[in-house]
């Protein structure tokens, strides 16, 4: 999950250690620390997340380092000895893994790790998604154009699932992003059904995108 949504009282210690109280799955919280110098470098005045070992710990060549609401801001020294003021959204890289702060090198397309503020209105899923520019982008996708109902189950094939369901809602359950609904199984008869949207809905450069990849096996089963 985006770490700012599952932590509190976060601050920066000694200009390079991120400290926060992290919630775990059992609802408890604990103080955690993450040394950003081990993951962030300075590459000619820009934050470097790919080769921190070669570009050195960012705080060793920076000044005016501040942290606020998930954003790290600093003046990083360039090769020319000038300083470049830049920021990085730590929500793009830092996650709360069951009460532990962890750094992920590359911001992935998993919607639960790179999106927040989900809302399902009829068949349209909306969220704020992190882009490659490290800012949040409002995005939406009409699931009705990608999901259908097959033998009483909502599946990522076909279209117009919404006409065969009622009381649809979006739920986060563990590592799954679930579309839950009462699905029509017979005339006048409905049963609970759910489908994990994270199998096929991804964040692509700040936009919710549907991708059906059958190369590694179907994420659902058609009998």
Protein backbone atom coordinates (compact mmCIF):
# COMPACT_ATOMS: atom_id res chain seq x y z
CA UNK A 1 0.00 0.00 0.00
CA UNK A 2 1.00 3.65 -0.48
CA UNK A 3 2.85 4.23 2.76
CA UNK A 4 1.33 7.61 3.64
CA UNK A 5 -2.12 6.01 3.81
CA UNK A 6 -1.08 3.38 6.38
CA UNK A 7 1.33 5.35 8.57
CA UNK A 8 1.21 8.40 10.83
CA UNK A 9 3.56 10.93 12.43
CA UNK A 10 6.15 10.51 9.68
CA UNK A 11 9.25 12.70 9.77
CA UNK A 12 12.85 12.84 8.58
CA UNK A 13 15.69 12.20 11.03
CA UNK A 14 19.29 13.28 10.40
CA UNK A 15 18.30 14.42 6.88
CA UNK A 16 18.19 10.89 5.48
CA UNK A 17 16.24 8.52 7.76
CA UNK A 18 12.49 8.29 7.20
CA UNK A 19 10.69 7.57 10.46
CA UNK A 20 7.01 6.66 10.69
CA UNK A 21 4.54 4.72 12.79
CA UNK A 22 3.28 1.91 10.56
CA UNK A 23 0.05 -0.03 10.88
CA UNK A 24 0.21 -3.80 10.48
CA UNK A 25 -2.53 -6.21 9.41
CA UNK A 26 -3.62 -6.87 13.00
CA UNK A 27 -4.32 -3.16 13.51
CA UNK A 28 -1.33 -2.49 15.76
CA UNK A 29 1.32 0.09 14.94
CA UNK A 30 5.04 0.32 15.46
CA UNK A 31 7.81 2.86 14.92
CA UNK A 32 9.84 2.05 11.81
CA UNK A 33 12.85 3.62 10.16
CA UNK A 34 14.16 3.54 6.59
CA UNK A 35 17.59 4.89 5.64
CA UNK A 36 16.94 6.70 2.37
CA UNK A 37 20.68 7.13 1.76
CA UNK A 38 20.82 3.41 0.97
CA UNK A 39 18.27 3.82 -1.83
CA UNK A 40 18.50 7.39 -3.12
CA UNK A 41 21.54 8.87 -4.82
CA UNK A 42 22.44 12.19 -6.39
CA UNK A 43 22.98 12.06 -10.14
CA UNK A 44 24.14 15.52 -11.23
CA UNK A 45 21.50 17.33 -9.19
CA UNK A 46 18.64 14.83 -9.51
CA UNK A 47 17.44 12.07 -7.22
CA UNK A 48 18.71 8.73 -8.51
CA UNK A 49 16.83 5.55 -7.59
CA UNK A 50 18.60 3.22 -10.02
CA UNK A 51 22.30 3.39 -9.07
CA UNK A 52 22.58 4.82 -5.54
CA UNK A 53 25.84 2.90 -4.95
CA UNK A 54 27.54 4.73 -7.82
CA UNK A 55 25.89 8.11 -7.34
CA UNK A 56 26.51 8.06 -3.56
CA UNK A 57 24.09 8.73 -0.72
CA UNK A 58 22.02 11.75 -1.66
CA UNK A 59 22.29 13.52 1.71
CA UNK A 60 26.11 13.70 1.44
CA UNK A 61 25.83 16.17 -1.44
CA UNK A 62 22.59 17.96 -0.62
CA UNK A 63 21.34 20.80 1.53
CA UNK A 64 18.00 22.25 2.65
CA UNK A 65 16.51 18.75 2.94
CA UNK A 66 12.87 18.68 4.02
CA UNK A 67 10.04 16.18 4.14
CA UNK A 68 6.29 16.85 4.11
CA UNK A 69 3.26 14.70 3.29
CA UNK A 70 5.19 12.04 1.40
CA UNK A 71 7.39 14.43 -0.59
CA UNK A 72 11.15 14.73 -0.09
CA UNK A 73 12.62 18.07 -1.17
CA UNK A 74 16.28 19.03 -1.35
CA UNK A 75 18.90 21.09 -3.13
CA UNK A 76 21.23 18.56 -4.79
CA UNK A 77 24.75 19.51 -5.86
CA UNK A 78 25.50 19.23 -9.56
CA UNK A 79 28.80 18.37 -11.20
CA UNK A 80 29.18 22.08 -11.93
CA UNK A 81 29.02 22.70 -8.14
CA UNK A 82 25.72 24.54 -8.53
CA UNK A 83 22.65 23.25 -6.70
CA UNK A 84 19.42 22.03 -8.20
CA UNK A 85 16.20 22.18 -6.15
CA UNK A 86 14.20 19.02 -6.77
CA UNK A 87 11.57 16.79 -5.17
CA UNK A 88 10.62 13.14 -5.17
CA UNK A 89 7.32 11.60 -4.11
CA UNK A 90 8.27 8.80 -1.73
CA UNK A 91 4.85 7.20 -2.23
CA UNK A 92 6.22 6.13 -5.61
CA UNK A 93 8.84 3.97 -3.94
CA UNK A 94 8.17 3.42 -0.23
CA UNK A 95 5.54 0.94 0.94
CA UNK A 96 4.28 -0.26 4.30
CA UNK A 97 4.71 -4.03 4.21
CA UNK A 98 2.72 -5.20 7.22
CA UNK A 99 4.30 -2.76 9.62
CA UNK A 100 7.69 -2.39 7.93
CA UNK A 101 8.87 0.42 5.65
CA UNK A 102 10.35 -0.98 2.44
CA UNK A 103 11.84 0.71 -0.61
CA UNK A 104 10.89 -0.53 -4.08
CA UNK A 105 13.34 0.52 -6.80
CA UNK A 106 10.85 0.93 -9.60
CA UNK A 107 7.32 2.25 -9.11
CA UNK A 108 5.15 -0.59 -10.34
CA UNK A 109 1.82 -0.71 -12.07
CA UNK A 110 0.02 -2.52 -9.26
CA UNK A 111 -2.97 -0.36 -8.44
CA UNK A 112 -2.84 -0.96 -4.69
CA UNK A 113 0.78 0.19 -4.46
CA UNK A 114 0.50 3.19 -6.79
CA UNK A 115 -3.12 4.40 -6.52
CA UNK A 116 -5.35 5.70 -3.75
CA UNK A 117 -8.78 7.25 -3.09
CA UNK A 118 -10.66 4.56 -5.02
CA UNK A 119 -14.31 5.14 -5.84
CA UNK A 120 -16.75 2.96 -7.79
CA UNK A 121 -19.72 4.77 -9.31
CA UNK A 122 -22.01 2.37 -11.17
CA UNK A 123 -19.44 0.64 -13.40
CA UNK A 124 -16.76 3.37 -13.39
CA UNK A 125 -13.72 2.95 -11.14
CA UNK A 126 -11.92 6.18 -10.25
CA UNK A 127 -8.67 6.72 -8.35
CA UNK A 128 -5.68 8.97 -7.90
CA UNK A 129 -2.71 7.32 -9.62
CA UNK A 130 0.98 8.11 -9.37
CA UNK A 131 2.60 9.09 -12.63
CA UNK A 132 6.22 8.91 -13.70
CA UNK A 133 6.43 12.62 -12.79
CA UNK A 134 5.85 11.57 -9.15
CA UNK A 135 2.54 13.44 -8.93
CA UNK A 136 -1.01 12.19 -8.48
CA UNK A 137 -3.33 12.06 -11.50
CA UNK A 138 -7.09 11.62 -11.40
CA UNK A 139 -8.04 8.67 -13.57
CA UNK A 140 -11.07 6.51 -14.25
CA UNK A 141 -11.96 3.41 -16.21
CA UNK A 142 -15.37 2.04 -17.19
CA UNK A 143 -15.21 -1.60 -16.14
CA UNK A 144 -18.37 -2.25 -18.14
CA UNK A 145 -16.26 -2.23 -21.28
CA UNK A 146 -13.94 -4.98 -20.02
CA UNK A 147 -15.87 -7.27 -17.67
CA UNK A 148 -18.81 -9.54 -18.30
CA UNK A 149 -20.79 -12.22 -16.45
CA UNK A 150 -20.23 -15.88 -17.23
CA UNK A 151 -22.18 -18.60 -15.39
CA UNK A 152 -22.84 -16.41 -12.40
CA UNK A 153 -19.32 -14.99 -12.12
CA UNK A 154 -17.85 -11.63 -13.07
CA UNK A 155 -14.89 -12.29 -15.38
CA UNK A 156 -12.44 -10.06 -17.31
CA UNK A 157 -13.84 -11.05 -20.67
CA UNK A 158 -16.87 -9.77 -22.50
CA UNK A 159 -18.68 -6.56 -21.58
CA UNK A 160 -21.68 -5.10 -19.76
CA UNK A 161 -21.27 -6.96 -16.46
CA UNK A 162 -23.25 -4.20 -14.74
CA UNK A 163 -26.58 -5.23 -16.24
CA UNK A 164 -26.32 -8.62 -14.51
CA UNK A 165 -25.27 -7.45 -11.03
CA UNK A 166 -26.59 -5.32 -8.22
CA UNK A 167 -25.05 -3.59 -5.19
CA UNK A 168 -21.60 -3.49 -6.79
CA UNK A 169 -18.80 -2.07 -4.66
CA UNK A 170 -15.01 -1.86 -4.51
CA UNK A 171 -13.11 -3.39 -1.59
CA UNK A 172 -9.45 -3.77 -0.67
CA UNK A 173 -8.84 -7.10 1.02
CA UNK A 174 -5.19 -7.82 1.77
CA UNK A 175 -3.29 -7.63 -1.51
CA UNK A 176 -6.47 -7.88 -3.61
CA UNK A 177 -8.49 -5.09 -5.19
CA UNK A 178 -11.95 -6.61 -5.34
CA UNK A 179 -15.02 -5.76 -7.37
CA UNK A 180 -17.81 -7.29 -5.28
CA UNK A 181 -21.44 -7.61 -6.27
CA UNK A 182 -24.56 -9.72 -6.15
CA UNK A 183 -24.50 -11.55 -9.48
CA UNK A 184 -27.57 -12.87 -11.29
CA UNK A 185 -27.38 -16.67 -11.49
CA UNK A 186 -31.01 -17.28 -12.52
CA UNK A 187 -34.17 -15.31 -13.09
CA UNK A 188 -34.70 -13.32 -9.92
CA UNK A 189 -31.85 -15.10 -8.08
CA UNK A 190 -28.60 -13.40 -7.11
CA UNK A 191 -25.49 -14.71 -5.36
CA UNK A 192 -22.38 -13.00 -4.03
CA UNK A 193 -19.48 -12.79 -6.46
CA UNK A 194 -16.14 -11.02 -6.62
CA UNK A 195 -13.24 -10.57 -9.00
CA UNK A 196 -9.72 -9.32 -8.30
CA UNK A 197 -9.23 -6.24 -10.45
CA UNK A 198 -5.48 -6.17 -9.80
CA UNK A 199 -5.09 -9.09 -12.24
CA UNK A 200 -6.07 -6.92 -15.18
CA UNK A 201 -6.30 -3.26 -14.13
CA UNK A 202 -2.97 -1.47 -13.85
CA UNK A 203 -1.56 2.01 -13.37
CA UNK A 204 0.20 3.03 -16.55
CA UNK A 205 1.92 6.41 -16.19
CA UNK A 206 -0.86 7.79 -14.00
CA UNK A 207 -3.79 6.21 -15.86
CA UNK A 208 -5.95 3.22 -14.99
CA UNK A 209 -5.55 0.76 -17.85
CA UNK A 210 -7.06 -2.66 -18.58
CA UNK A 211 -4.60 -5.33 -19.74
CA UNK A 212 -5.68 -8.94 -20.32
CA UNK A 213 -2.54 -11.07 -20.48
CA UNK A 214 -3.21 -14.72 -21.21
CA UNK A 215 0.41 -15.65 -21.93
CA UNK A 216 1.00 -17.00 -18.45
CA UNK A 217 -2.36 -18.62 -17.97
CA UNK A 218 -5.81 -17.19 -17.45
CA UNK A 219 -6.44 -15.25 -14.24
CA UNK A 220 -9.90 -16.83 -14.22
CA UNK A 221 -11.44 -20.15 -15.19
CA UNK A 222 -14.15 -20.80 -17.72
CA UNK A 223 -15.68 -24.24 -17.36
